[in-house]
């Protein structure tokens, strides 16, 4: 590898995750393992805490801007490193814009990927998100057709319907890996950039609930 130094960038999706270290420690561990294996020096680390929504708005990512500025000032041989591509962003146009800064990026799970491959990966992640959103909408419509009232007066019922619909949208992804442990499934979804409905990383308890919903009918737990 032609680099000797790197700037690390970590992003967690909620303030709670940022305070607890949930998700952050895993990212840091991945980057530091990568640096040790490749003989790289981590010269700076930037941590972004923001909500899952509008995560790819430039004004919401001041720490990313700072990481880019430091890497750019250090020269072409200092890249910004993330543990997973989704930590940079989930929108292909946003990632393309980052590439235009002419700062090299490295992803620990794809260490040999060039900018073209990163664009392809970003496009695949974005399409998967679009498909999940479409499936969720269709599942909610099916719940409504079965007589479930969706709206503020039925907040608890509405929340259950949304959870069931989201689980149904992930059915095609979850069923082939359902035999694995909840930790393994969480790792797979996190690696693919598939977040929870709230835009955060998956944990075992959430996976258990998700699998239980997928095993039953999409609206099975919702009172008529």
Protein backbone atom coordinates (compact mmCIF):
# COMPACT_ATOMS: atom_id res chain seq x y z
CA UNK A 1 0.00 0.00 0.00
CA UNK A 2 1.41 3.40 -1.02
CA UNK A 3 0.19 5.26 2.07
CA UNK A 4 1.95 5.62 5.42
CA UNK A 5 -0.55 7.85 7.27
CA UNK A 6 -4.35 8.01 7.39
CA UNK A 7 -7.12 10.25 8.74
CA UNK A 8 -9.90 8.22 10.38
CA UNK A 9 -13.56 9.21 10.13
CA UNK A 10 -16.35 7.66 12.21
CA UNK A 11 -20.07 8.38 12.07
CA UNK A 12 -22.83 7.34 14.46
CA UNK A 13 -26.43 8.03 13.69
CA UNK A 14 -27.79 9.31 17.01
CA UNK A 15 -26.65 11.29 20.01
CA UNK A 16 -27.37 8.27 22.21
CA UNK A 17 -25.00 6.13 20.16
CA UNK A 18 -22.36 8.83 20.31
CA UNK A 19 -22.56 9.10 24.12
CA UNK A 20 -22.60 5.36 24.73
CA UNK A 21 -19.99 4.40 22.17
CA UNK A 22 -22.54 2.07 20.55
CA UNK A 23 -21.33 1.52 17.01
CA UNK A 24 -18.42 3.90 17.48
CA UNK A 25 -16.15 1.37 19.20
CA UNK A 26 -16.71 -1.15 16.41
CA UNK A 27 -15.75 1.41 13.78
CA UNK A 28 -12.65 2.47 15.70
CA UNK A 29 -11.60 -1.14 16.21
CA UNK A 30 -11.99 -1.90 12.49
CA UNK A 31 -9.93 1.13 11.44
CA UNK A 32 -7.18 0.47 13.97
CA UNK A 33 -6.96 -3.21 13.01
CA UNK A 34 -6.68 -2.14 9.39
CA UNK A 35 -3.99 0.43 10.20
CA UNK A 36 -1.97 -2.09 12.22
CA UNK A 37 -2.21 -4.74 9.50
CA UNK A 38 -1.10 -2.30 6.80
CA UNK A 39 1.54 -0.50 8.87
CA UNK A 40 -0.31 2.83 8.74
CA UNK A 41 -0.25 5.65 11.28
CA UNK A 42 -3.60 7.16 12.31
CA UNK A 43 -2.71 10.85 12.47
CA UNK A 44 -6.21 12.14 13.31
CA UNK A 45 -9.67 10.84 14.15
CA UNK A 46 -12.96 12.66 13.53
CA UNK A 47 -16.28 11.58 15.03
CA UNK A 48 -19.60 12.70 13.55
CA UNK A 49 -22.84 12.39 15.51
CA UNK A 50 -25.98 13.07 13.51
CA UNK A 51 -29.42 11.65 12.86
CA UNK A 52 -30.04 9.08 10.17
CA UNK A 53 -32.28 11.44 8.24
CA UNK A 54 -30.59 13.94 5.93
CA UNK A 55 -27.27 12.34 6.87
CA UNK A 56 -25.85 13.16 3.47
CA UNK A 57 -26.51 16.89 3.66
CA UNK A 58 -23.04 18.55 3.59
CA UNK A 59 -23.98 21.09 6.27
CA UNK A 60 -24.78 18.20 8.64
CA UNK A 61 -21.27 16.76 8.36
CA UNK A 62 -18.77 19.32 9.76
CA UNK A 63 -16.45 16.59 11.06
CA UNK A 64 -16.26 15.02 7.62
CA UNK A 65 -15.39 18.43 6.18
CA UNK A 66 -12.64 18.74 8.81
CA UNK A 67 -11.28 15.27 8.00
CA UNK A 68 -11.20 16.12 4.30
CA UNK A 69 -9.45 19.42 5.01
CA UNK A 70 -6.75 17.76 7.11
CA UNK A 71 -6.15 15.01 4.55
CA UNK A 72 -6.03 17.55 1.72
CA UNK A 73 -3.56 19.74 3.59
CA UNK A 74 -1.31 16.73 4.22
CA UNK A 75 -1.03 15.93 0.53
CA UNK A 76 -2.23 13.25 -1.89
CA UNK A 77 -0.71 10.40 0.12
CA UNK A 78 -2.96 10.77 3.17
CA UNK A 79 -6.40 9.22 2.66
CA UNK A 80 -9.57 9.39 4.76
CA UNK A 81 -10.41 5.93 6.10
CA UNK A 82 -13.82 4.60 7.17
CA UNK A 83 -14.81 1.16 8.41
CA UNK A 84 -17.72 0.83 5.98
CA UNK A 85 -18.79 2.81 2.93
CA UNK A 86 -22.15 3.65 4.54
CA UNK A 87 -20.27 5.65 7.19
CA UNK A 88 -19.34 8.09 4.42
CA UNK A 89 -22.88 8.20 3.10
CA UNK A 90 -25.68 6.20 1.53
CA UNK A 91 -26.39 8.49 -1.39
CA UNK A 92 -24.34 7.81 -4.52
CA UNK A 93 -24.38 11.47 -5.58
CA UNK A 94 -23.10 12.56 -2.17
CA UNK A 95 -20.25 10.06 -2.36
CA UNK A 96 -19.48 11.16 -5.92
CA UNK A 97 -19.23 14.72 -4.61
CA UNK A 98 -16.75 13.59 -1.96
CA UNK A 99 -14.61 11.95 -4.63
CA UNK A 100 -14.49 15.28 -6.45
CA UNK A 101 -12.48 16.70 -3.53
CA UNK A 102 -9.54 14.65 -4.87
CA UNK A 103 -8.89 13.20 -1.44
CA UNK A 104 -8.38 9.41 -1.55
CA UNK A 105 -10.76 7.25 0.48
CA UNK A 106 -10.15 3.81 1.90
CA UNK A 107 -12.81 1.45 3.27
CA UNK A 108 -11.50 -1.18 5.67
CA UNK A 109 -13.91 -3.86 4.43
CA UNK A 110 -12.91 -3.10 0.80
CA UNK A 111 -9.22 -2.16 1.07
CA UNK A 112 -8.43 -2.73 -2.60
CA UNK A 113 -11.45 -0.94 -4.03
CA UNK A 114 -10.67 1.93 -6.39
CA UNK A 115 -12.96 4.99 -6.79
CA UNK A 116 -14.91 3.27 -9.58
CA UNK A 117 -15.68 0.25 -7.38
CA UNK A 118 -16.69 2.53 -4.51
CA UNK A 119 -19.15 4.29 -6.82
CA UNK A 120 -20.61 0.94 -7.88
CA UNK A 121 -20.94 -0.17 -4.27
CA UNK A 122 -22.62 3.12 -3.32
CA UNK A 123 -25.08 2.72 -6.18
CA UNK A 124 -25.95 -0.81 -5.02
CA UNK A 125 -26.49 0.33 -1.43
CA UNK A 126 -28.71 3.20 -2.61
CA UNK A 127 -30.80 0.88 -4.76
CA UNK A 128 -31.21 -1.53 -1.85
CA UNK A 129 -32.45 1.33 0.34
CA UNK A 130 -34.92 2.36 -2.36
CA UNK A 131 -36.24 -1.19 -2.65
CA UNK A 132 -36.62 -1.52 1.13
CA UNK A 133 -38.54 1.78 1.27
CA UNK A 134 -40.80 0.62 -1.56
CA UNK A 135 -41.44 -2.74 0.14
CA UNK A 136 -42.23 -0.97 3.43
CA UNK A 137 -44.77 1.25 1.71
CA UNK A 138 -46.40 -1.76 0.06
CA UNK A 139 -46.53 -3.66 3.36
CA UNK A 140 -48.15 -0.69 5.14
CA UNK A 141 -50.73 -0.51 2.36
CA UNK A 142 -51.46 -4.22 2.87
CA UNK A 143 -51.91 -3.67 6.60
CA UNK A 144 -54.30 -0.80 5.91
CA UNK A 145 -56.27 -3.00 3.52
CA UNK A 146 -56.67 -5.52 6.34
CA UNK A 147 -58.37 -2.88 8.47
CA UNK A 148 -55.44 -1.53 10.48
CA UNK A 149 -55.98 2.15 11.24
CA UNK A 150 -52.81 4.12 10.58
CA UNK A 151 -52.73 7.52 12.23
CA UNK A 152 -52.05 9.54 15.37
CA UNK A 153 -55.21 8.42 17.25
CA UNK A 154 -53.85 4.87 17.12
CA UNK A 155 -50.21 5.60 17.88
CA UNK A 156 -49.42 2.20 19.39
CA UNK A 157 -51.13 0.33 16.60
CA UNK A 158 -49.49 2.57 14.03
CA UNK A 159 -46.05 1.85 15.48
CA UNK A 160 -46.69 -1.88 15.41
CA UNK A 161 -47.88 -1.66 11.83
CA UNK A 162 -44.77 0.26 10.79
CA UNK A 163 -42.51 -2.29 12.53
CA UNK A 164 -44.29 -5.18 10.82
CA UNK A 165 -44.12 -3.43 7.46
CA UNK A 166 -40.42 -2.73 7.85
CA UNK A 167 -39.76 -6.36 8.77
CA UNK A 168 -41.67 -7.47 5.69
CA UNK A 169 -39.55 -5.17 3.52
CA UNK A 170 -36.45 -7.05 4.73
CA UNK A 171 -37.92 -10.53 4.28
CA UNK A 172 -35.92 -11.34 1.13
CA UNK A 173 -32.70 -10.36 2.89
CA UNK A 174 -33.39 -11.99 6.27
CA UNK A 175 -34.84 -15.37 5.26
CA UNK A 176 -31.63 -16.71 3.62
CA UNK A 177 -29.56 -15.88 6.73
CA UNK A 178 -32.18 -16.57 9.41
CA UNK A 179 -30.36 -19.71 10.59
CA UNK A 180 -27.39 -17.64 11.77
CA UNK A 181 -27.07 -16.07 15.21
CA UNK A 182 -28.52 -12.64 15.93
CA UNK A 183 -24.98 -11.23 16.23
CA UNK A 184 -24.01 -12.64 12.84
CA UNK A 185 -27.15 -11.30 11.19
CA UNK A 186 -26.57 -7.87 12.74
CA UNK A 187 -23.01 -7.89 11.41
CA UNK A 188 -24.22 -8.81 7.92
CA UNK A 189 -26.83 -6.05 7.80
CA UNK A 190 -24.43 -3.45 9.20
CA UNK A 191 -21.75 -4.46 6.68
CA UNK A 192 -24.25 -4.03 3.84
CA UNK A 193 -25.22 -0.57 5.04
CA UNK A 194 -28.78 -1.64 5.89
CA UNK A 195 -29.88 0.28 8.97
CA UNK A 196 -32.78 -0.08 11.37
CA UNK A 197 -35.96 1.87 10.69
CA UNK A 198 -34.49 4.67 12.85
CA UNK A 199 -31.31 4.79 10.75
CA UNK A 200 -29.02 3.22 13.37
CA UNK A 201 -26.81 0.12 13.45
CA UNK A 202 -28.37 -3.24 14.28
CA UNK A 203 -27.94 -4.92 17.67
CA UNK A 204 -28.82 -8.49 18.68
CA UNK A 205 -32.06 -7.59 20.48
CA UNK A 206 -33.35 -5.75 17.41
CA UNK A 207 -32.44 -8.68 15.17
CA UNK A 208 -34.36 -11.10 17.41
CA UNK A 209 -37.50 -8.95 17.15
CA UNK A 210 -37.02 -8.57 13.39
CA UNK A 211 -36.65 -12.31 12.84
CA UNK A 212 -39.72 -13.03 14.95
CA UNK A 213 -41.73 -10.62 12.82
CA UNK A 214 -40.44 -12.13 9.60
CA UNK A 215 -41.37 -15.62 10.80
CA UNK A 216 -44.98 -14.56 11.35
CA UNK A 217 -47.50 -12.75 9.20
CA UNK A 218 -46.54 -9.12 8.38
CA UNK A 219 -49.55 -7.81 10.29
CA UNK A 220 -49.97 -10.77 12.61
CA UNK A 221 -49.28 -8.85 15.80
CA UNK A 222 -51.62 -5.98 14.99
CA UNK A 223 -55.13 -5.98 16.39
CA UNK A 224 -57.86 -5.54 13.82
